[in-house]
Amino acid sequence: MSLARLMPSWCTIILAGCVQPLPQTPTSPVADPQVGRGFAFAEAQCSGCHALKRGEASPNPQAPGFAAVANEMAFTTVTLREFFLDGHDFPGMMSIQLEEEEADMVTAYIMSLRERR
């Protein structure tokens, strides 16, 4: 087989080795669609006060970042979901009560920030 006929195959193989996989981070929550929907919801509804990603500071210093909620507070998936369903009410700051689907999405996103222990 001639070199000219092999060149496209070689280029494809070489370029394929250069491609890096998408990171599984909050900026690219492609691993789980529920996590991605939770991030989008949180970005629209929560980012005014809470830091959504690891290493970010919350716009409101009194509002914990979501990484802190996942790692430094005693929440489990069940208790965090219940927290959102029961009403997230801090007079003078905010009052929010999520629907079941919203609570599931945001809980999935926040718990995706939990560090492996």
C-alpha atoms as a PDB file:
ATOM      1  CA  MET A   1       0.000   0.000   0.000  1.00  0.00           C
ATOM      2  CA  SER A   2       1.335   3.428  -0.869  1.00  0.00           C
ATOM      3  CA  LEU A   3       2.288   6.009   1.710  1.00  0.00           C
ATOM      4  CA  ALA A   4      -0.310   8.417   0.311  1.00  0.00           C
ATOM      5  CA  ARG A   5      -3.100   5.910   1.006  1.00  0.00           C
ATOM      6  CA  LEU A   6      -1.911   5.309   4.594  1.00  0.00           C
ATOM      7  CA  MET A   7      -1.487   8.994   5.494  1.00  0.00           C
ATOM      8  CA  PRO A   8      -5.176   9.689   6.418  1.00  0.00           C
ATOM      9  CA  SER A   9      -5.247   6.666   8.732  1.00  0.00           C
ATOM     10  CA  TRP A  10      -2.007   7.667  10.417  1.00  0.00           C
ATOM     11  CA  CYS A  11      -3.210  11.237  10.904  1.00  0.00           C
ATOM     12  CA  THR A  12      -6.398   9.991  12.502  1.00  0.00           C
ATOM     13  CA  ILE A  13      -4.490   7.734  14.889  1.00  0.00           C
ATOM     14  CA  ILE A  14      -2.008  10.453  15.814  1.00  0.00           C
ATOM     15  CA  LEU A  15      -4.699  13.087  16.364  1.00  0.00           C
ATOM     16  CA  ALA A  16      -6.827  10.693  18.404  1.00  0.00           C
ATOM     17  CA  GLY A  17      -3.905  10.333  20.813  1.00  0.00           C
ATOM     18  CA  CYS A  18      -3.844  14.111  21.287  1.00  0.00           C
ATOM     19  CA  VAL A  19      -7.451  14.434  22.398  1.00  0.00           C
ATOM     20  CA  GLN A  20      -7.947  14.734  26.126  1.00  0.00           C
ATOM     21  CA  PRO A  21     -11.169  13.478  27.699  1.00  0.00           C
ATOM     22  CA  LEU A  22     -13.586  16.047  29.075  1.00  0.00           C
ATOM     23  CA  PRO A  23     -13.028  16.597  32.792  1.00  0.00           C
ATOM     24  CA  GLN A  24     -15.801  15.397  35.084  1.00  0.00           C
ATOM     25  CA  THR A  25     -16.133  18.659  36.951  1.00  0.00           C
ATOM     26  CA  PRO A  26     -18.922  21.107  37.654  1.00  0.00           C
ATOM     27  CA  THR A  27     -17.973  23.007  34.513  1.00  0.00           C
ATOM     28  CA  SER A  28     -18.551  19.809  32.544  1.00  0.00           C
ATOM     29  CA  PRO A  29     -21.065  17.635  34.341  1.00  0.00           C
ATOM     30  CA  VAL A  30     -21.399  15.217  31.426  1.00  0.00           C
ATOM     31  CA  ALA A  31     -21.101  12.034  33.470  1.00  0.00           C
ATOM     32  CA  ASP A  32     -24.625  12.236  34.878  1.00  0.00           C
ATOM     33  CA  PRO A  33     -27.428  14.206  33.217  1.00  0.00           C
ATOM     34  CA  GLN A  34     -29.085  14.772  36.612  1.00  0.00           C
ATOM     35  CA  VAL A  35     -25.894  16.435  37.858  1.00  0.00           C
ATOM     36  CA  GLY A  36     -25.793  18.617  34.753  1.00  0.00           C
ATOM     37  CA  ARG A  37     -29.399  19.701  35.196  1.00  0.00           C
ATOM     38  CA  GLY A  38     -28.690  20.396  38.872  1.00  0.00           C
ATOM     39  CA  PHE A  39     -25.733  22.584  37.981  1.00  0.00           C
ATOM     40  CA  ALA A  40     -27.804  24.524  35.420  1.00  0.00           C
ATOM     41  CA  PHE A  41     -30.619  25.009  37.943  1.00  0.00           C
ATOM     42  CA  ALA A  42     -28.184  26.097  40.673  1.00  0.00           C
ATOM     43  CA  GLU A  43     -26.431  28.459  38.295  1.00  0.00           C
ATOM     44  CA  ALA A  44     -29.759  30.141  37.516  1.00  0.00           C
ATOM     45  CA  GLN A  45     -31.235  30.109  41.045  1.00  0.00           C
ATOM     46  CA  CYS A  46     -28.417  29.901  43.611  1.00  0.00           C
ATOM     47  CA  SER A  47     -25.266  31.481  42.188  1.00  0.00           C
ATOM     48  CA  GLY A  48     -26.194  34.968  43.381  1.00  0.00           C
ATOM     49  CA  CYS A  49     -25.315  33.883  46.910  1.00  0.00           C
ATOM     50  CA  HIS A  50     -23.539  30.492  46.791  1.00  0.00           C
ATOM     51  CA  ALA A  51     -20.278  29.440  45.160  1.00  0.00           C
ATOM     52  CA  LEU A  52     -21.208  26.557  42.876  1.00  0.00           C
ATOM     53  CA  LYS A  53     -17.753  25.146  42.133  1.00  0.00           C
ATOM     54  CA  ARG A  54     -14.816  23.976  44.216  1.00  0.00           C
ATOM     55  CA  GLY A  55     -12.325  26.683  45.018  1.00  0.00           C
ATOM     56  CA  GLU A  56     -14.707  29.583  44.448  1.00  0.00           C
ATOM     57  CA  ALA A  57     -15.774  32.084  47.075  1.00  0.00           C
ATOM     58  CA  SER A  58     -19.483  32.658  47.561  1.00  0.00           C
ATOM     59  CA  PRO A  59     -20.719  36.079  46.424  1.00  0.00           C
ATOM     60  CA  ASN A  60     -22.448  36.289  49.818  1.00  0.00           C
ATOM     61  CA  PRO A  61     -19.872  35.500  52.521  1.00  0.00           C
ATOM     62  CA  GLN A  62     -22.648  34.185  54.788  1.00  0.00           C
ATOM     63  CA  ALA A  63     -23.752  31.617  52.194  1.00  0.00           C
ATOM     64  CA  PRO A  64     -21.682  28.424  52.180  1.00  0.00           C
ATOM     65  CA  GLY A  65     -20.258  27.245  48.905  1.00  0.00           C
ATOM     66  CA  PHE A  66     -21.757  24.053  47.560  1.00  0.00           C
ATOM     67  CA  ALA A  67     -18.436  22.204  47.967  1.00  0.00           C
ATOM     68  CA  ALA A  68     -18.549  23.089  51.671  1.00  0.00           C
ATOM     69  CA  VAL A  69     -22.135  21.862  51.894  1.00  0.00           C
ATOM     70  CA  ALA A  70     -21.065  18.555  50.343  1.00  0.00           C
ATOM     71  CA  ASN A  71     -17.897  18.084  52.385  1.00  0.00           C
ATOM     72  CA  GLU A  72     -18.004  20.053  55.623  1.00  0.00           C
ATOM     73  CA  MET A  73     -21.596  19.755  56.711  1.00  0.00           C
ATOM     74  CA  ALA A  74     -23.267  16.616  57.993  1.00  0.00           C
ATOM     75  CA  PHE A  75     -25.602  16.270  55.019  1.00  0.00           C
ATOM     76  CA  THR A  76     -26.256  12.980  53.300  1.00  0.00           C
ATOM     77  CA  THR A  77     -28.073  12.736  49.998  1.00  0.00           C
ATOM     78  CA  VAL A  78     -31.301  12.019  51.886  1.00  0.00           C
ATOM     79  CA  THR A  79     -30.975  14.816  54.447  1.00  0.00           C
ATOM     80  CA  LEU A  80     -29.910  17.415  51.880  1.00  0.00           C
ATOM     81  CA  ARG A  81     -32.873  16.543  49.663  1.00  0.00           C
ATOM     82  CA  GLU A  82     -35.196  16.794  52.683  1.00  0.00           C
ATOM     83  CA  PHE A  83     -33.663  20.172  53.557  1.00  0.00           C
ATOM     84  CA  PHE A  84     -34.596  21.501  50.113  1.00  0.00           C
ATOM     85  CA  LEU A  85     -38.084  20.001  50.214  1.00  0.00           C
ATOM     86  CA  ASP A  86     -38.853  21.295  53.722  1.00  0.00           C
ATOM     87  CA  GLY A  87     -37.984  24.845  52.791  1.00  0.00           C
ATOM     88  CA  HIS A  88     -34.748  26.703  52.737  1.00  0.00           C
ATOM     89  CA  ASP A  89     -35.895  29.637  54.833  1.00  0.00           C
ATOM     90  CA  PHE A  90     -33.631  32.185  56.454  1.00  0.00           C
ATOM     91  CA  PRO A  91     -35.674  35.348  57.150  1.00  0.00           C
ATOM     92  CA  GLY A  92     -34.095  38.458  55.738  1.00  0.00           C
ATOM     93  CA  MET A  93     -31.811  36.428  53.488  1.00  0.00           C
ATOM     94  CA  MET A  94     -33.876  34.055  51.399  1.00  0.00           C
ATOM     95  CA  SER A  95     -36.806  31.763  51.327  1.00  0.00           C
ATOM     96  CA  ILE A  96     -36.925  28.920  48.858  1.00  0.00           C
ATOM     97  CA  GLN A  97     -38.756  25.632  48.735  1.00  0.00           C
ATOM     98  CA  LEU A  98     -37.911  23.339  45.871  1.00  0.00           C
ATOM     99  CA  GLU A  99     -40.179  20.949  44.035  1.00  0.00           C
ATOM    100  CA  GLU A 100     -39.193  17.270  44.137  1.00  0.00           C
ATOM    101  CA  GLU A 101     -37.483  17.269  40.733  1.00  0.00           C
ATOM    102  CA  GLU A 102     -35.574  20.468  41.562  1.00  0.00           C
ATOM    103  CA  ALA A 103     -34.489  19.065  44.929  1.00  0.00           C
ATOM    104  CA  ASP A 104     -33.308  15.851  43.247  1.00  0.00           C
ATOM    105  CA  MET A 105     -31.284  17.782  40.644  1.00  0.00           C
ATOM    106  CA  VAL A 106     -29.636  20.209  43.060  1.00  0.00           C
ATOM    107  CA  THR A 107     -28.908  17.446  45.561  1.00  0.00           C
ATOM    108  CA  ALA A 108     -27.298  15.340  42.808  1.00  0.00           C
ATOM    109  CA  TYR A 109     -25.126  18.276  41.781  1.00  0.00           C
ATOM    110  CA  ILE A 110     -24.060  19.227  45.307  1.00  0.00           C
ATOM    111  CA  MET A 111     -23.286  15.639  46.274  1.00  0.00           C
ATOM    112  CA  SER A 112     -21.198  15.292  43.084  1.00  0.00           C
ATOM    113  CA  LEU A 113     -18.821  17.763  44.744  1.00  0.00           C
ATOM    114  CA  ARG A 114     -18.207  15.391  47.635  1.00  0.00           C
ATOM    115  CA  GLU A 115     -14.559  14.455  47.868  1.00  0.00           C
ATOM    116  CA  ARG A 116     -13.613  10.787  47.960  1.00  0.00           C
ATOM    117  CA  ARG A 117     -12.610   9.775  51.469  1.00  0.00           C
END
